[in-house]
Protein backbone atom coordinates (compact mmCIF):
# COMPACT_ATOMS: atom_id res chain seq x y z
CA MET A 1 -126.46 -127.04 -96.59
CA LYS A 2 -130.27 -127.42 -96.58
CA LYS A 3 -129.87 -131.19 -96.83
CA TYR A 4 -127.70 -131.31 -93.74
CA GLY A 5 -130.01 -128.90 -91.89
CA VAL A 6 -132.99 -131.23 -92.56
CA MET A 7 -130.97 -134.22 -91.54
CA VAL A 8 -129.82 -132.70 -88.21
CA GLY A 9 -133.31 -131.43 -87.51
CA LYS A 10 -134.83 -134.90 -87.95
CA LEU A 11 -132.10 -136.56 -85.87
CA LEU A 12 -132.76 -134.13 -83.04
CA LEU A 13 -136.48 -134.64 -83.30
CA TYR A 14 -136.21 -138.39 -83.13
CA ILE A 15 -133.82 -138.22 -80.15
CA ALA A 16 -135.98 -135.66 -78.38
CA VAL A 17 -139.21 -137.72 -78.83
CA TYR A 18 -137.27 -140.81 -77.59
CA PHE A 19 -136.13 -139.06 -74.45
CA VAL A 20 -139.52 -137.45 -73.69
CA ILE A 21 -141.26 -140.82 -73.90
CA LEU A 22 -138.55 -142.50 -71.82
CA GLN A 23 -138.74 -139.92 -69.07
CA ALA A 24 -142.47 -140.07 -68.97
CA SER A 25 -142.51 -143.86 -68.80
CA ALA A 26 -139.87 -143.83 -66.08
CA ALA A 27 -141.91 -141.38 -64.00
CA LEU A 28 -145.10 -143.41 -64.41
CA TRP A 29 -143.27 -146.58 -63.38
CA LYS A 30 -141.52 -145.00 -60.37
CA PHE A 31 -144.28 -142.82 -58.93
CA VAL A 32 -147.44 -144.75 -59.98
CA LEU A 33 -146.78 -148.43 -60.66
CA MET A 34 -143.97 -149.27 -58.22
CA PRO A 35 -145.97 -148.17 -55.16
CA LEU A 36 -148.93 -150.32 -56.36
CA HIS A 37 -147.26 -153.70 -56.15
CA PRO A 38 -143.82 -155.25 -55.43
CA TRP A 39 -143.94 -156.93 -58.89
CA PHE A 40 -143.11 -153.60 -60.53
CA VAL A 41 -140.12 -153.20 -58.24
CA GLU A 42 -138.81 -156.73 -59.00
CA ASN A 43 -139.36 -156.53 -62.77
CA ARG A 44 -138.03 -153.18 -63.84
CA LEU A 45 -137.14 -154.54 -67.24
CA ALA A 46 -140.85 -154.45 -67.98
CA LEU A 47 -140.45 -150.65 -67.96
CA ILE A 48 -138.65 -150.99 -71.24
CA VAL A 49 -141.50 -153.04 -72.70
CA LEU A 50 -144.01 -150.37 -71.71
CA ASN A 51 -141.85 -147.54 -72.96
CA ASP A 52 -141.19 -149.15 -76.27
CA LEU A 53 -144.75 -150.11 -76.95
CA VAL A 54 -145.77 -146.47 -76.36
CA ALA A 55 -142.85 -145.19 -78.41
CA ILE A 56 -143.75 -147.38 -81.41
CA GLY A 57 -147.27 -145.91 -81.30
CA VAL A 58 -146.05 -142.32 -80.96
CA PHE A 59 -143.57 -142.61 -83.85
CA TYR A 60 -146.17 -144.30 -86.07
CA LEU A 61 -148.57 -141.44 -85.46
CA MET A 62 -145.89 -138.82 -85.91
CA PHE A 63 -145.02 -140.24 -89.30
CA ARG A 64 -148.64 -140.79 -90.42
CA TYR A 65 -149.95 -137.30 -89.44
CA GLY A 66 -146.68 -135.31 -89.29
CA PHE A 67 -144.70 -136.58 -92.23
CA LYS A 68 -147.63 -138.11 -94.22
CA SER A 69 -145.82 -141.36 -94.60
CA ASN A 70 -145.92 -144.94 -93.33
CA LEU A 71 -143.35 -145.53 -90.59
CA PHE A 72 -143.05 -149.23 -91.32
CA GLU A 73 -142.30 -148.60 -94.99
CA GLU A 74 -139.78 -145.92 -94.16
CA VAL A 75 -137.75 -148.28 -91.95
CA LYS A 76 -138.09 -151.15 -94.45
CA PHE A 77 -140.20 -153.86 -92.82
CA THR A 78 -139.73 -155.91 -96.00
CA LYS A 79 -139.87 -159.68 -96.46
CA MET A 80 -136.79 -161.75 -96.05
CA GLU A 81 -136.12 -165.07 -97.75
CA LYS A 82 -134.45 -168.03 -96.11
CA ARG A 83 -130.72 -167.46 -96.65
CA PRO A 84 -130.69 -163.87 -95.28
CA LEU A 85 -132.92 -164.95 -92.42
CA TYR A 86 -130.68 -167.87 -91.51
CA LEU A 87 -127.54 -165.68 -91.71
CA SER A 88 -129.17 -163.02 -89.53
CA ILE A 89 -129.88 -165.66 -86.92
CA PHE A 90 -126.32 -167.00 -87.15
CA VAL A 91 -124.76 -163.55 -86.80
CA GLY A 92 -126.96 -162.83 -83.79
CA LEU A 93 -126.16 -166.16 -82.09
CA MET A 94 -122.37 -165.69 -82.54
CA ALA A 95 -122.55 -162.09 -81.26
CA GLY A 96 -124.50 -163.39 -78.29
CA VAL A 97 -122.13 -166.29 -77.55
CA PHE A 98 -119.15 -163.87 -77.73
CA THR A 99 -120.90 -161.55 -75.26
CA ALA A 100 -121.80 -164.44 -72.94
CA PHE A 101 -118.20 -165.51 -72.64
CA PHE A 102 -117.11 -161.87 -72.36
CA ALA A 103 -119.53 -161.30 -69.50
CA GLN A 104 -117.86 -164.04 -67.47
CA LEU A 105 -114.33 -162.51 -67.58
CA PRO A 106 -113.21 -161.56 -64.02
CA SER A 107 -112.55 -157.95 -64.96
CA ILE A 108 -116.00 -157.71 -66.52
CA GLN A 109 -117.71 -159.25 -63.49
CA SER A 110 -116.11 -156.64 -61.27
CA ASP A 111 -117.58 -153.22 -60.62
CA GLN A 112 -114.76 -151.45 -62.51
CA TYR A 113 -116.53 -151.18 -65.90
CA GLN A 114 -120.25 -151.48 -64.95
CA PHE A 115 -120.78 -154.31 -67.37
CA HIS A 116 -121.87 -156.80 -64.72
CA ALA A 117 -124.73 -154.50 -63.49
CA LEU A 118 -125.93 -154.28 -67.09
CA PHE A 119 -125.83 -157.94 -67.90
CA LYS A 120 -127.47 -158.72 -64.47
CA ALA A 121 -130.32 -156.26 -65.11
CA LEU A 122 -131.01 -157.78 -68.58
CA ASN A 123 -130.77 -161.47 -67.67
CA GLU A 124 -131.96 -161.82 -64.04
CA THR A 125 -135.66 -161.31 -64.61
CA ASN A 126 -138.79 -163.43 -65.14
CA TRP A 127 -138.70 -165.31 -68.37
CA TYR A 128 -141.93 -163.76 -69.64
CA VAL A 129 -140.66 -160.21 -68.94
CA PHE A 130 -137.48 -161.04 -70.73
CA LEU A 131 -139.43 -162.43 -73.67
CA GLY A 132 -141.43 -159.21 -73.89
CA PHE A 133 -138.25 -157.17 -73.64
CA VAL A 134 -136.57 -159.17 -76.34
CA LEU A 135 -139.44 -159.01 -78.81
CA VAL A 136 -140.76 -155.50 -78.20
CA GLY A 137 -137.57 -153.88 -77.08
CA ASN A 138 -135.45 -155.06 -80.04
CA THR A 139 -138.21 -154.09 -82.48
CA PHE A 140 -138.28 -150.56 -81.28
CA LYS A 141 -134.49 -150.32 -80.84
CA GLU A 142 -133.86 -151.35 -84.41
CA LEU A 143 -136.78 -149.23 -85.69
CA LEU A 144 -135.25 -146.15 -84.02
CA PHE A 145 -131.50 -146.62 -84.32
CA ARG A 146 -131.21 -148.45 -87.67
CA GLY A 147 -134.46 -147.61 -89.36
CA LEU A 148 -134.66 -143.90 -88.47
CA LEU A 149 -131.32 -142.51 -87.10
CA PHE A 150 -129.00 -144.57 -89.28
CA ASN A 151 -131.00 -144.02 -92.45
CA GLU A 152 -131.16 -140.29 -91.81
CA VAL A 153 -127.37 -140.11 -91.27
CA ARG A 154 -126.85 -141.99 -94.55
CA LYS A 155 -128.51 -139.19 -96.44
CA GLY A 156 -125.61 -136.88 -95.62
CA PHE A 157 -122.56 -139.20 -95.09
CA PRO A 158 -120.78 -142.10 -96.74
CA LEU A 159 -121.63 -145.58 -95.49
CA VAL A 160 -118.56 -146.07 -93.29
CA ALA A 161 -118.95 -142.65 -91.64
CA SER A 162 -122.74 -143.41 -91.14
CA LEU A 163 -121.94 -146.71 -89.50
CA LEU A 164 -119.51 -145.16 -87.09
CA LEU A 165 -121.79 -142.27 -86.26
CA GLN A 166 -124.89 -144.37 -85.61
CA GLY A 167 -122.72 -146.69 -83.48
CA PHE A 168 -121.64 -143.65 -81.39
CA LEU A 169 -125.24 -142.48 -81.10
CA TYR A 170 -126.38 -145.88 -79.94
CA GLY A 171 -123.65 -146.21 -77.32
CA ALA A 172 -124.10 -142.61 -76.15
CA LEU A 173 -127.88 -142.62 -75.89
CA PHE A 174 -128.00 -146.00 -74.12
CA PHE A 175 -124.90 -145.71 -71.90
CA TYR A 176 -124.59 -141.92 -71.43
CA LEU A 177 -121.01 -141.79 -72.79
CA ASN A 178 -119.62 -144.29 -70.30
CA PRO A 179 -116.50 -145.12 -72.36
CA PRO A 180 -116.29 -148.93 -72.10
CA LEU A 181 -120.06 -149.45 -72.37
CA THR A 182 -120.33 -146.93 -75.22
CA LEU A 183 -117.56 -148.65 -77.20
CA PHE A 184 -119.09 -152.05 -76.60
CA GLY A 185 -122.52 -150.89 -77.59
CA ALA A 186 -121.19 -149.08 -80.69
CA ALA A 187 -119.49 -152.32 -81.84
CA GLY A 188 -122.69 -154.26 -81.66
CA ALA A 189 -124.59 -151.42 -83.33
CA ILE A 190 -122.20 -151.55 -86.26
CA VAL A 191 -122.66 -155.33 -86.66
CA PHE A 192 -126.43 -154.97 -86.70
CA ALA A 193 -126.37 -152.03 -89.05
CA LEU A 194 -124.35 -154.11 -91.52
CA VAL A 195 -126.96 -156.84 -91.81
CA TYR A 196 -129.55 -154.14 -92.17
CA VAL A 197 -127.66 -152.56 -95.07
CA TRP A 198 -126.82 -155.88 -96.76
CA PHE A 199 -130.32 -157.46 -96.48
CA ASP A 200 -132.23 -154.22 -96.88
CA SER A 201 -134.80 -155.20 -94.27
CA ILE A 202 -135.25 -154.06 -90.70
CA TRP A 203 -136.24 -157.71 -89.88
CA ALA A 204 -132.57 -158.69 -90.32
CA PRO A 205 -131.19 -156.77 -87.26
CA ILE A 206 -134.31 -157.41 -85.28
CA VAL A 207 -133.96 -161.12 -85.75
CA ALA A 208 -130.17 -160.93 -85.04
CA GLN A 209 -130.77 -158.96 -81.81
CA ILE A 210 -133.48 -161.39 -80.60
CA PHE A 211 -131.18 -164.39 -80.98
CA CYS A 212 -128.17 -162.47 -79.64
CA GLN A 213 -129.93 -161.62 -76.35
CA GLY A 214 -131.75 -164.89 -76.28
CA ILE A 215 -128.58 -166.96 -76.16
CA GLN A 216 -127.06 -164.61 -73.56
CA TYR A 217 -130.10 -165.28 -71.33
CA VAL A 218 -129.53 -169.02 -71.72
CA PHE A 219 -125.90 -168.76 -70.84
CA TRP A 220 -126.58 -166.50 -67.85
CA ASN A 221 -129.38 -168.68 -66.34
CA VAL A 222 -128.13 -172.20 -67.14
CA PRO A 223 -125.18 -173.45 -65.02
CA ILE A 224 -122.54 -173.62 -67.79
CA ALA A 225 -120.24 -170.92 -66.50
CA SER A 226 -116.48 -171.45 -66.35
CA ASN A 227 -113.78 -169.68 -64.39
CA SER A 228 -111.15 -170.94 -66.72
CA MET A 229 -109.52 -168.14 -68.71
CA THR A 230 -108.63 -170.67 -71.36
CA VAL A 231 -112.27 -171.66 -71.84
CA LEU A 232 -113.49 -168.08 -71.79
CA THR A 233 -110.81 -166.79 -74.20
CA SER A 234 -111.30 -169.80 -76.54
CA GLY A 235 -115.07 -169.22 -76.56
CA MET A 236 -114.62 -165.59 -77.38
CA VAL A 237 -112.11 -166.30 -80.17
CA VAL A 238 -114.16 -169.09 -81.80
CA SER A 239 -117.40 -167.09 -81.61
CA ALA A 240 -115.70 -163.96 -83.01
CA VAL A 241 -114.22 -165.84 -85.90
CA LEU A 242 -117.62 -167.41 -86.68
CA LEU A 243 -119.22 -163.98 -86.37
CA VAL A 244 -116.84 -162.61 -89.01
CA VAL A 245 -117.55 -165.66 -91.24
CA GLY A 246 -121.28 -164.93 -90.89
CA LEU A 247 -120.75 -161.28 -91.81
CA TYR A 248 -118.64 -162.26 -94.78
CA TYR A 249 -121.31 -164.56 -96.24
CA SER A 250 -123.97 -161.91 -95.51
CA TYR A 251 -121.89 -159.47 -97.58
CA LYS A 252 -121.31 -162.09 -100.26
CA ILE A 253 -125.04 -162.85 -100.65
CA ARG A 254 -125.78 -159.15 -101.00
CA THR A 255 -123.11 -158.58 -103.63
CA ASP A 256 -124.28 -161.60 -105.51
CA LEU A 257 -127.81 -160.25 -105.51
CA ALA A 258 -126.61 -156.79 -106.59
CA ALA A 259 -124.68 -158.43 -109.54
CA GLN A 260 -127.83 -160.34 -110.59
CA GLU A 261 -129.96 -157.15 -110.43
CA ASN A 262 -127.39 -155.33 -112.62
CA LEU A 263 -127.64 -158.17 -115.14
CA GLY A 264 -131.43 -158.09 -114.99
CA ALA A 265 -131.63 -161.56 -113.53
CA PRO A 266 -134.51 -162.53 -111.30
CA GLU A 267 -133.93 -161.32 -107.78
CA ARG A 268 -133.45 -163.88 -105.02
CA GLY A 269 -132.54 -163.67 -101.37
CA ILE A 270 -134.59 -160.66 -100.48
CA SER A 271 -138.03 -159.72 -101.60
CA ALA A 272 -139.13 -156.12 -101.45
């Protein structure tokens, strides 16, 4: 029972620190920065960049002085070799292409499910703000949700249960239990958690997220949209199949590496 008590305590601590920083950043943005200049009103996505930069610093200090450990070692900022890196990019691209076609469905573009407002907020911003969001935001997001919350959950639950629970936490904390958004976010969280588990490096989901959101930004801002349900459905099906293929080869590489390690062969694919 003590193990589960420690696990729950750390989960609550991480989530509480996340929300305190988020509320403080939002208040600073709304009451101090937005009145200063219209730029802060027009580029609200930059709030996430500010929040996540502060959060990375706070969590680093919390681990260094509170837990007497290195945050970056805890979440596994470990080197990746070429094959895992390329597969992480491929998985991210296919997830992003699927989402880009999904975002153009008439029902998704309506106000019924609130997806359109989300995609618009993420993709209709200055390119340099989006670049900062993609790099900083995804680094902190993976550090928190995969590196800390998911790893903590794995200490008390089997892998499948941990994947589902961290997916729920991700969807719930980002989308406040809005059912469609929570399910969609949870599905993505499970995909990114899988590459984290298989490649044993936080760089894997970070890279996948960067390419996932990057390709969505391109689709959103370049005039390649289609109103044809055939095109949209075909694009979703093809990208989903390729995503599954990418996940399969990611798993295969990991199992091949595990087999080599068991045989005492030189490790390849991931360097610790």
